[in-house]
Amino acid sequence: MLRWVRTGTVFAGLVLTLLACGEKEPAPKIKWQFTGAAFMNSPAIGNDGTIYAFSEKDTLYAFNPDGTVKWRLGLPDTVFYHPSNIFISPVVAANGTIYIFAADGNLYAINPNGTVSWRFPIKTDFPTICGTPALGADGTIYVYAPESLYALSPAGSLNWTRYVGGGSCITFPVVDGDSTIYIGADHDLIALKTDGTVKWTADMAPLIHTEDRIALGGDGTVYVFGTGLDFQGNLMAFTSDGALRWVCTVLDSNCINVGTPVIGLDGTIYLGSATDTERGGLYAVSPAGQVRWTKQTTNYLQEAYDLTIDSEGTIYTVEGAFDSEGNLKWRYPLGNVVVFAVGAPAIGADGTVYVASGSGLFAFEGNSSGLANSSWPRSRHDNRNTGNALSP
């Protein structure tokens, strides 16, 4: 099965047929699998262990840890283009409320029992796609729609709206604890206060002109991975006051899409990207901005090649697991099941690895104690997809 995704003027395809070959260690066993829907984005895990996944057909699923369906909630879809929500993942607040943007143009707040608490209309352009929200320390929900950032209260009222410029369907805000919201739009990195006023703006052109995928370091460094006008893959590091620390080029040409940076226990920044030669790459960059290693993968890695790092330092992708040197440890033991996905796997406290794909949701046994205790171990920082460095 081959699916195609359109982002702007770039078409990208992905077929990952996961065959057990070349592994260094045995692949984990499948604990359970749900193949009744296609899940294209990152699953979330609530504090009570419930797993949430948003299907290609605009249905939010809640799963018990044993894989049984707890509930499902269909949300309206007013556009005929599918998958209209490919880059939208559920976000779970500390009190269990789930936030999700649906293709009818509304941000929904869902109660833990699967009922709708409220919805708020967000202005969007066709196709109706917004990025995954981020949560502030006080529960404020920050969501990007084309050209504007919205801040909503936990009760669903509008706090403020700020024009930030054009972005894409993978423009996600992130929050540095309780003080600063960062967002990348076009070639600008914008830092905002919690009242919506701009603290500073950094022009990243021509080194980064699209993508703008952001991660936050433990020392306040803001890492932005994106593509330049010349299709280089560049990682830029800024201080918390907007000064440029360094630039690292990990791919000097043919970089068409990038994933969100993740950060290992020793501060190493790990990146994933796709090229126009139908191959992907994994990269490791030191905290000082030097490339430690580059590994080309055998499969084409779709545009949101997002990663997750566990407590043992293992790097998980939609393809399988890699060690901290970029060597393939194993592929997911799915035989000839075709996996198509753009989100990062989630890892429970018991080590269970949850992988969403166009073929379903899969749970694999793991031997870690959950996510790495680093400043940014997953594309949306944590298993609840909060996008907040302190996981409110």
Protein backbone atom coordinates (compact mmCIF):
# COMPACT_ATOMS: atom_id res chain seq x y z
CA MET A 1 0.00 0.00 0.00
CA LEU A 2 1.37 3.38 -0.97
CA ARG A 3 -0.03 6.65 0.27
CA TRP A 4 0.96 10.13 -0.74
CA VAL A 5 0.97 13.31 1.32
CA ARG A 6 0.95 16.83 -0.05
CA THR A 7 2.59 19.61 1.95
CA GLY A 8 2.75 22.85 0.04
CA THR A 9 4.25 22.04 -3.34
CA VAL A 10 6.18 19.03 -2.12
CA PHE A 11 4.86 15.53 -2.52
CA ALA A 12 6.39 12.81 -0.40
CA GLY A 13 5.72 9.12 -0.19
CA LEU A 14 6.72 6.46 2.24
CA VAL A 15 6.61 2.73 2.22
CA LEU A 16 8.21 1.02 5.18
CA THR A 17 7.94 -2.73 4.89
CA LEU A 18 9.48 -3.82 8.14
CA LEU A 19 11.53 -6.92 7.60
CA ALA A 20 13.63 -8.51 10.30
CA CYS A 21 17.13 -8.12 8.90
CA GLY A 22 20.38 -6.68 10.12
CA GLU A 23 19.33 -6.31 13.74
CA LYS A 24 21.92 -6.27 16.49
CA GLU A 25 19.51 -7.56 19.11
CA PRO A 26 16.16 -9.37 19.01
CA ALA A 27 13.16 -7.28 18.12
CA PRO A 28 10.60 -6.78 20.89
CA LYS A 29 7.42 -8.81 21.05
CA ILE A 30 4.07 -7.37 20.08
CA LYS A 31 1.90 -6.88 23.16
CA TRP A 32 -1.19 -5.94 21.17
CA GLN A 33 -2.29 -4.32 17.97
CA PHE A 34 -5.36 -2.44 16.79
CA THR A 35 -5.82 -2.41 13.03
CA GLY A 36 -9.29 -0.96 12.83
CA ALA A 37 -8.15 2.53 11.83
CA ALA A 38 -5.25 4.46 10.34
CA PHE A 39 -3.30 6.66 12.74
CA MET A 40 -0.88 9.04 11.07
CA ASN A 41 0.39 11.13 13.98
CA SER A 42 1.92 10.85 17.45
CA PRO A 43 -0.10 9.00 20.09
CA ALA A 44 -0.38 10.43 23.60
CA ILE A 45 -0.44 8.77 27.01
CA GLY A 46 -2.45 10.28 29.85
CA ASN A 47 -1.37 10.23 33.47
CA ASP A 48 -3.74 7.30 34.10
CA GLY A 49 -2.11 5.21 31.35
CA THR A 50 -4.82 5.75 28.73
CA ILE A 51 -3.42 5.88 25.19
CA TYR A 52 -4.96 8.39 22.79
CA ALA A 53 -4.67 8.32 19.01
CA PHE A 54 -6.37 10.44 16.35
CA SER A 55 -7.38 8.55 13.23
CA GLU A 56 -7.11 9.62 9.62
CA LYS A 57 -10.92 9.72 9.51
CA ASP A 58 -11.16 12.29 12.32
CA THR A 59 -11.98 9.92 15.15
CA LEU A 60 -10.30 10.20 18.53
CA TYR A 61 -9.65 6.80 20.14
CA ALA A 62 -8.92 6.09 23.77
CA PHE A 63 -7.28 2.74 24.53
CA ASN A 64 -6.79 0.95 27.82
CA PRO A 65 -3.22 -0.23 28.50
CA ASP A 66 -4.26 -3.75 27.45
CA GLY A 67 -5.25 -2.52 23.99
CA THR A 68 -9.02 -2.61 24.39
CA VAL A 69 -10.94 0.40 23.16
CA LYS A 70 -12.08 2.56 26.05
CA TRP A 71 -14.11 4.89 23.84
CA ARG A 72 -14.06 6.57 20.48
CA LEU A 73 -15.36 9.97 19.43
CA GLY A 74 -15.97 11.01 15.85
CA LEU A 75 -15.32 14.68 15.07
CA PRO A 76 -16.75 16.60 12.11
CA ASP A 77 -14.77 16.81 8.90
CA THR A 78 -15.86 19.45 6.43
CA VAL A 79 -13.09 18.97 3.88
CA PHE A 80 -12.86 16.22 1.30
CA TYR A 81 -9.06 16.17 1.33
CA HIS A 82 -7.68 13.29 3.38
CA PRO A 83 -5.69 12.91 5.47
CA SER A 84 -6.67 16.39 6.59
CA ASN A 85 -5.24 15.93 10.10
CA ILE A 86 -2.00 14.14 9.37
CA PHE A 87 0.13 16.44 11.54
CA ILE A 88 -2.35 16.84 14.40
CA SER A 89 -1.77 14.84 17.58
CA PRO A 90 -3.88 14.77 20.74
CA VAL A 91 -2.61 16.78 23.70
CA VAL A 92 -3.49 15.71 27.24
CA ALA A 93 -3.61 18.16 30.13
CA ALA A 94 -2.64 17.18 33.68
CA ASN A 95 -6.34 16.93 34.64
CA GLY A 96 -7.01 14.49 31.79
CA THR A 97 -8.65 16.89 29.32
CA ILE A 98 -7.73 16.08 25.74
CA TYR A 99 -7.27 18.85 23.19
CA ILE A 100 -7.51 18.15 19.49
CA PHE A 101 -7.95 20.26 16.39
CA ALA A 102 -10.53 18.86 13.96
CA ALA A 103 -10.93 19.52 10.25
CA ASP A 104 -14.18 21.41 10.79
CA GLY A 105 -12.10 24.37 11.99
CA ASN A 106 -12.63 23.93 15.73
CA LEU A 107 -10.30 23.20 18.61
CA TYR A 108 -12.04 20.63 20.82
CA ALA A 109 -11.66 19.99 24.54
CA ILE A 110 -12.64 16.40 25.33
CA ASN A 111 -13.40 15.11 28.81
CA PRO A 112 -11.61 11.95 30.00
CA ASN A 113 -14.87 10.00 29.48
CA GLY A 114 -14.98 10.90 25.79
CA THR A 115 -17.60 13.67 25.86
CA VAL A 116 -17.06 17.13 24.41
CA SER A 117 -16.43 19.82 27.01
CA TRP A 118 -16.20 22.76 24.58
CA ARG A 119 -15.09 23.76 21.13
CA PHE A 120 -13.59 26.98 19.82
CA PRO A 121 -13.59 28.07 16.15
CA ILE A 122 -10.15 28.75 14.71
CA LYS A 123 -9.75 30.63 11.44
CA THR A 124 -8.06 28.39 8.89
CA ASP A 125 -7.49 28.17 5.17
CA PHE A 126 -8.21 25.20 2.95
CA PRO A 127 -7.29 22.47 3.56
CA THR A 128 -8.33 22.89 7.17
CA ILE A 129 -5.13 22.02 8.99
CA CYS A 130 -3.71 23.47 12.17
CA GLY A 131 -0.71 22.38 14.19
CA THR A 132 -0.75 20.40 17.41
CA PRO A 133 -1.38 22.74 20.39
CA ALA A 134 1.04 23.39 23.25
CA LEU A 135 0.14 23.88 26.90
CA GLY A 136 1.28 26.61 29.26
CA ALA A 137 2.03 26.06 32.92
CA ASP A 138 -1.33 27.61 33.84
CA GLY A 139 -3.22 25.41 31.37
CA THR A 140 -3.37 27.96 28.56
CA ILE A 141 -3.70 26.28 25.16
CA TYR A 142 -1.57 27.72 22.36
CA VAL A 143 -2.55 26.70 18.84
CA TYR A 144 -1.30 27.93 15.49
CA ALA A 145 -3.57 28.47 12.51
CA PRO A 146 -2.29 29.99 9.27
CA GLU A 147 -0.52 33.27 10.14
CA SER A 148 -1.76 33.57 13.76
CA LEU A 149 -1.15 32.10 17.20
CA TYR A 150 -4.20 31.71 19.45
CA ALA A 151 -4.12 31.53 23.24
CA LEU A 152 -7.18 29.95 24.86
CA SER A 153 -8.06 29.51 28.51
CA PRO A 154 -8.74 26.01 29.89
CA ALA A 155 -12.43 27.01 29.87
CA GLY A 156 -12.35 27.65 26.13
CA SER A 157 -12.35 31.46 26.01
CA LEU A 158 -9.98 33.47 23.84
CA ASN A 159 -7.18 35.17 25.76
CA TRP A 160 -5.46 36.73 22.76
CA THR A 161 -4.48 36.31 19.13
CA ARG A 162 -1.12 37.30 17.69
CA TYR A 163 -0.20 37.56 14.03
CA VAL A 164 3.11 35.74 13.54
CA GLY A 165 3.26 35.24 9.78
CA GLY A 166 2.90 32.40 7.38
CA GLY A 167 3.79 28.90 8.44
CA SER A 168 2.86 25.39 7.40
CA CYS A 169 0.78 22.51 8.65
CA ILE A 170 3.74 21.41 10.77
CA THR A 171 4.14 24.73 12.58
CA PHE A 172 4.01 23.89 16.27
CA PRO A 173 4.46 26.29 19.19
CA VAL A 174 6.57 25.20 22.16
CA VAL A 175 6.70 26.63 25.67
CA ASP A 176 9.74 27.13 27.87
CA GLY A 177 8.16 26.31 31.22
CA ASP A 178 5.90 29.18 32.23
CA SER A 179 7.51 32.21 30.62
CA THR A 180 8.13 32.13 26.86
CA ILE A 181 6.32 30.73 23.84
CA TYR A 182 8.42 30.03 20.75
CA ILE A 183 7.10 29.58 17.24
CA GLY A 184 8.72 29.48 13.83
CA ALA A 185 6.87 31.02 10.90
CA ASP A 186 8.47 31.27 7.48
CA HIS A 187 12.07 32.27 8.22
CA ASP A 188 11.44 33.93 11.60
CA LEU A 189 11.86 32.53 15.09
CA ILE A 190 9.49 34.46 17.36
CA ALA A 191 9.54 34.55 21.16
CA LEU A 192 6.38 35.75 22.87
CA LYS A 193 5.41 36.54 26.43
CA THR A 194 2.41 34.83 27.98
CA ASP A 195 0.31 37.95 27.32
CA GLY A 196 1.00 37.68 23.57
CA THR A 197 3.51 40.51 23.26
CA VAL A 198 6.65 39.82 21.27
CA LYS A 199 9.88 39.53 23.25
CA TRP A 200 12.12 39.23 20.22
CA THR A 201 12.29 37.99 16.64
CA ALA A 202 15.25 36.32 14.95
CA ASP A 203 15.50 36.25 11.15
CA MET A 204 16.78 32.80 10.13
CA ALA A 205 16.84 33.37 6.35
CA PRO A 206 18.33 32.10 4.17
CA LEU A 207 19.55 29.24 6.38
CA ILE A 208 16.04 28.26 7.42
CA HIS A 209 13.10 29.26 5.31
CA THR A 210 10.63 26.44 5.92
CA GLU A 211 9.81 23.73 8.47
CA ASP A 212 10.96 25.52 11.67
CA ARG A 213 10.91 22.50 13.98
CA ILE A 214 11.82 23.55 17.54
CA ALA A 215 13.25 21.86 20.64
CA LEU A 216 14.40 23.43 23.91
CA GLY A 217 17.64 22.64 25.72
CA GLY A 218 18.02 22.39 29.45
CA ASP A 219 20.20 25.53 29.50
CA GLY A 220 17.58 27.60 27.65
CA THR A 221 19.03 27.06 24.18
CA VAL A 222 16.41 27.10 21.42
CA TYR A 223 17.17 24.61 18.64
CA VAL A 224 15.50 25.08 15.25
CA PHE A 225 15.84 22.55 12.44
CA GLY A 226 14.68 23.49 8.95
CA THR A 227 15.47 23.75 5.28
CA GLY A 228 17.04 26.71 3.55
CA LEU A 229 16.34 28.25 0.18
CA ASP A 230 19.13 26.10 -1.27
CA PHE A 231 17.62 22.93 0.28
CA GLN A 232 20.28 22.58 2.92
CA GLY A 233 19.29 20.96 6.18
CA ASN A 234 20.36 23.41 8.88
CA LEU A 235 20.20 23.26 12.66
CA MET A 236 20.38 26.67 14.35
CA ALA A 237 20.93 27.26 18.07
CA PHE A 238 19.80 30.47 19.77
CA THR A 239 20.15 31.75 23.31
CA SER A 240 16.99 32.46 25.28
CA ASP A 241 17.35 36.17 24.41
CA GLY A 242 17.52 35.54 20.66
CA ALA A 243 21.27 35.65 20.00
CA LEU A 244 22.58 33.14 17.49
CA ARG A 245 24.97 30.65 19.09
CA TRP A 246 25.86 28.52 16.09
CA VAL A 247 24.67 26.97 12.84
CA CYS A 248 25.26 23.37 11.85
CA THR A 249 24.59 22.09 8.33
CA VAL A 250 23.78 18.39 8.45
CA LEU A 251 22.77 18.05 4.81
CA ASP A 252 24.22 20.37 2.19
CA SER A 253 21.64 19.67 -0.54
CA ASN A 254 18.46 17.75 -1.41
CA CYS A 255 16.94 18.17 2.04
CA ILE A 256 13.20 18.48 1.44
CA ASN A 257 11.74 17.76 4.89
CA VAL A 258 12.91 17.57 8.47
CA GLY A 259 11.74 16.26 11.83
CA THR A 260 11.78 17.85 15.26
CA PRO A 261 15.12 17.72 17.09
CA VAL A 262 15.31 15.57 20.21
CA ILE A 263 17.97 15.74 22.91
CA GLY A 264 19.81 12.85 24.54
CA LEU A 265 21.01 12.49 28.11
CA ASP A 266 24.44 13.93 27.29
CA GLY A 267 23.00 16.89 25.38
CA THR A 268 23.50 15.41 21.92
CA ILE A 269 20.88 16.65 19.47
CA TYR A 270 19.43 13.95 17.21
CA LEU A 271 17.75 14.80 13.92
CA GLY A 272 15.90 13.01 11.14
CA SER A 273 15.26 14.20 7.60
CA ALA A 274 14.14 13.10 4.17
CA THR A 275 15.86 13.82 0.88
CA ASP A 276 14.65 14.06 -2.69
CA THR A 277 16.64 10.93 -3.52
CA GLU A 278 14.03 8.88 -1.65
CA ARG A 279 16.28 8.19 1.28
CA GLY A 280 16.41 9.46 4.80
CA GLY A 281 19.10 10.35 7.25
CA LEU A 282 19.80 10.32 10.96
CA TYR A 283 22.19 12.90 12.40
CA ALA A 284 23.81 13.52 15.76
CA VAL A 285 25.05 17.02 16.62
CA SER A 286 27.05 17.98 19.69
CA PRO A 287 25.87 20.76 22.05
CA ALA A 288 28.66 22.87 20.52
CA GLY A 289 27.19 22.51 17.02
CA GLN A 290 29.48 19.90 15.48
CA VAL A 291 28.23 16.87 13.56
CA ARG A 292 29.13 13.74 15.52
CA TRP A 293 27.83 11.25 12.98
CA THR A 294 25.57 10.89 9.97
CA LYS A 295 23.74 7.72 8.99
CA GLN A 296 21.79 7.17 5.82
CA THR A 297 18.79 4.92 6.28
CA THR A 298 17.62 2.38 3.75
CA ASN A 299 14.05 3.63 3.68
CA TYR A 300 12.57 6.91 2.59
CA LEU A 301 11.69 8.80 5.74
CA GLN A 302 8.57 10.92 5.52
CA GLU A 303 8.61 14.65 6.18
CA ALA A 304 7.82 14.63 9.88
CA TYR A 305 10.48 12.08 10.72
CA ASP A 306 10.07 12.50 14.46
CA LEU A 307 12.10 10.63 17.04
CA THR A 308 11.81 9.43 20.62
CA ILE A 309 14.62 8.57 23.04
CA ASP A 310 14.14 6.17 25.96
CA SER A 311 15.89 5.98 29.33
CA GLU A 312 18.52 3.62 27.87
CA GLY A 313 19.45 6.04 25.09
CA THR A 314 17.74 4.04 22.35
CA ILE A 315 16.36 6.16 19.51
CA TYR A 316 12.96 5.12 18.18
CA THR A 317 11.56 6.01 14.77
CA VAL A 318 8.71 4.73 12.62
CA GLU A 319 11.28 2.35 11.13
CA GLY A 320 12.64 0.76 14.29
CA ALA A 321 15.25 1.35 16.98
CA PHE A 322 18.75 2.78 16.67
CA ASP A 323 21.55 3.03 19.21
CA SER A 324 23.22 6.30 20.21
CA GLU A 325 25.73 5.87 17.37
CA GLY A 326 23.01 5.60 14.74
CA ASN A 327 23.30 1.85 14.22
CA LEU A 328 20.11 -0.09 13.60
CA LYS A 329 19.30 -2.29 16.60
CA TRP A 330 16.10 -3.83 15.25
CA ARG A 331 13.04 -3.21 13.14
CA TYR A 332 9.53 -3.60 14.45
CA PRO A 333 8.51 -7.27 14.14
CA LEU A 334 5.51 -6.76 11.88
CA GLY A 335 6.35 -9.07 9.01
CA ASN A 336 4.97 -7.61 5.81
CA VAL A 337 2.75 -5.02 7.48
CA VAL A 338 3.23 -1.68 5.75
CA VAL A 339 3.84 1.23 8.09
CA PHE A 340 3.19 4.79 7.03
CA ALA A 341 3.42 7.39 9.75
CA VAL A 342 4.72 10.86 10.54
CA GLY A 343 4.55 10.93 14.34
CA ALA A 344 6.93 9.96 17.11
CA PRO A 345 6.40 6.73 19.09
CA ALA A 346 5.34 7.06 22.73
CA ILE A 347 7.04 5.09 25.51
CA GLY A 348 5.18 4.20 28.70
CA ALA A 349 6.71 4.06 32.16
CA ASP A 350 6.85 0.26 31.87
CA GLY A 351 8.84 0.53 28.65
CA THR A 352 5.97 -0.28 26.31
CA VAL A 353 6.53 1.34 22.91
CA TYR A 354 3.41 2.63 21.16
CA VAL A 355 3.73 3.15 17.40
CA ALA A 356 0.95 4.73 15.35
CA SER A 357 0.79 4.09 11.63
CA GLY A 358 -1.48 3.94 8.65
CA SER A 359 -1.86 0.24 9.41
CA GLY A 360 -3.04 0.71 13.00
CA LEU A 361 -1.73 1.25 16.52
CA PHE A 362 0.88 -1.20 17.83
CA ALA A 363 2.22 -1.82 21.33
CA PHE A 364 5.63 -3.50 21.73
CA GLU A 365 7.35 -4.79 24.82
CA GLY A 366 10.29 -2.68 25.93
CA ASN A 367 13.01 -2.86 28.57
CA SER A 368 13.37 0.82 29.43
CA SER A 369 11.79 2.84 32.23
CA GLY A 370 10.15 5.28 29.82
CA LEU A 371 11.38 8.42 28.14
CA ALA A 372 14.91 9.68 28.61
CA ASN A 373 15.36 12.16 31.45
CA SER A 374 16.60 14.85 29.10
CA SER A 375 15.34 18.32 28.27
CA TRP A 376 13.56 17.24 25.06
CA PRO A 377 13.38 13.43 24.59
CA ARG A 378 10.41 13.42 22.19
CA SER A 379 9.13 15.62 19.38
CA ARG A 380 6.36 17.15 21.54
CA HIS A 381 8.61 16.88 24.61
CA ASP A 382 6.62 14.28 26.54
CA ASN A 383 4.07 11.49 26.19
CA ARG A 384 1.17 13.89 26.71
CA ASN A 385 2.38 15.94 23.70
CA THR A 386 2.31 19.17 25.74
CA GLY A 387 5.16 20.87 23.88
CA ASN A 388 6.19 22.32 27.24
CA ALA A 389 9.67 21.95 28.68
CA LEU A 390 8.25 21.47 32.20
CA SER A 391 5.30 19.21 31.25
CA PRO A 392 2.50 21.04 33.08
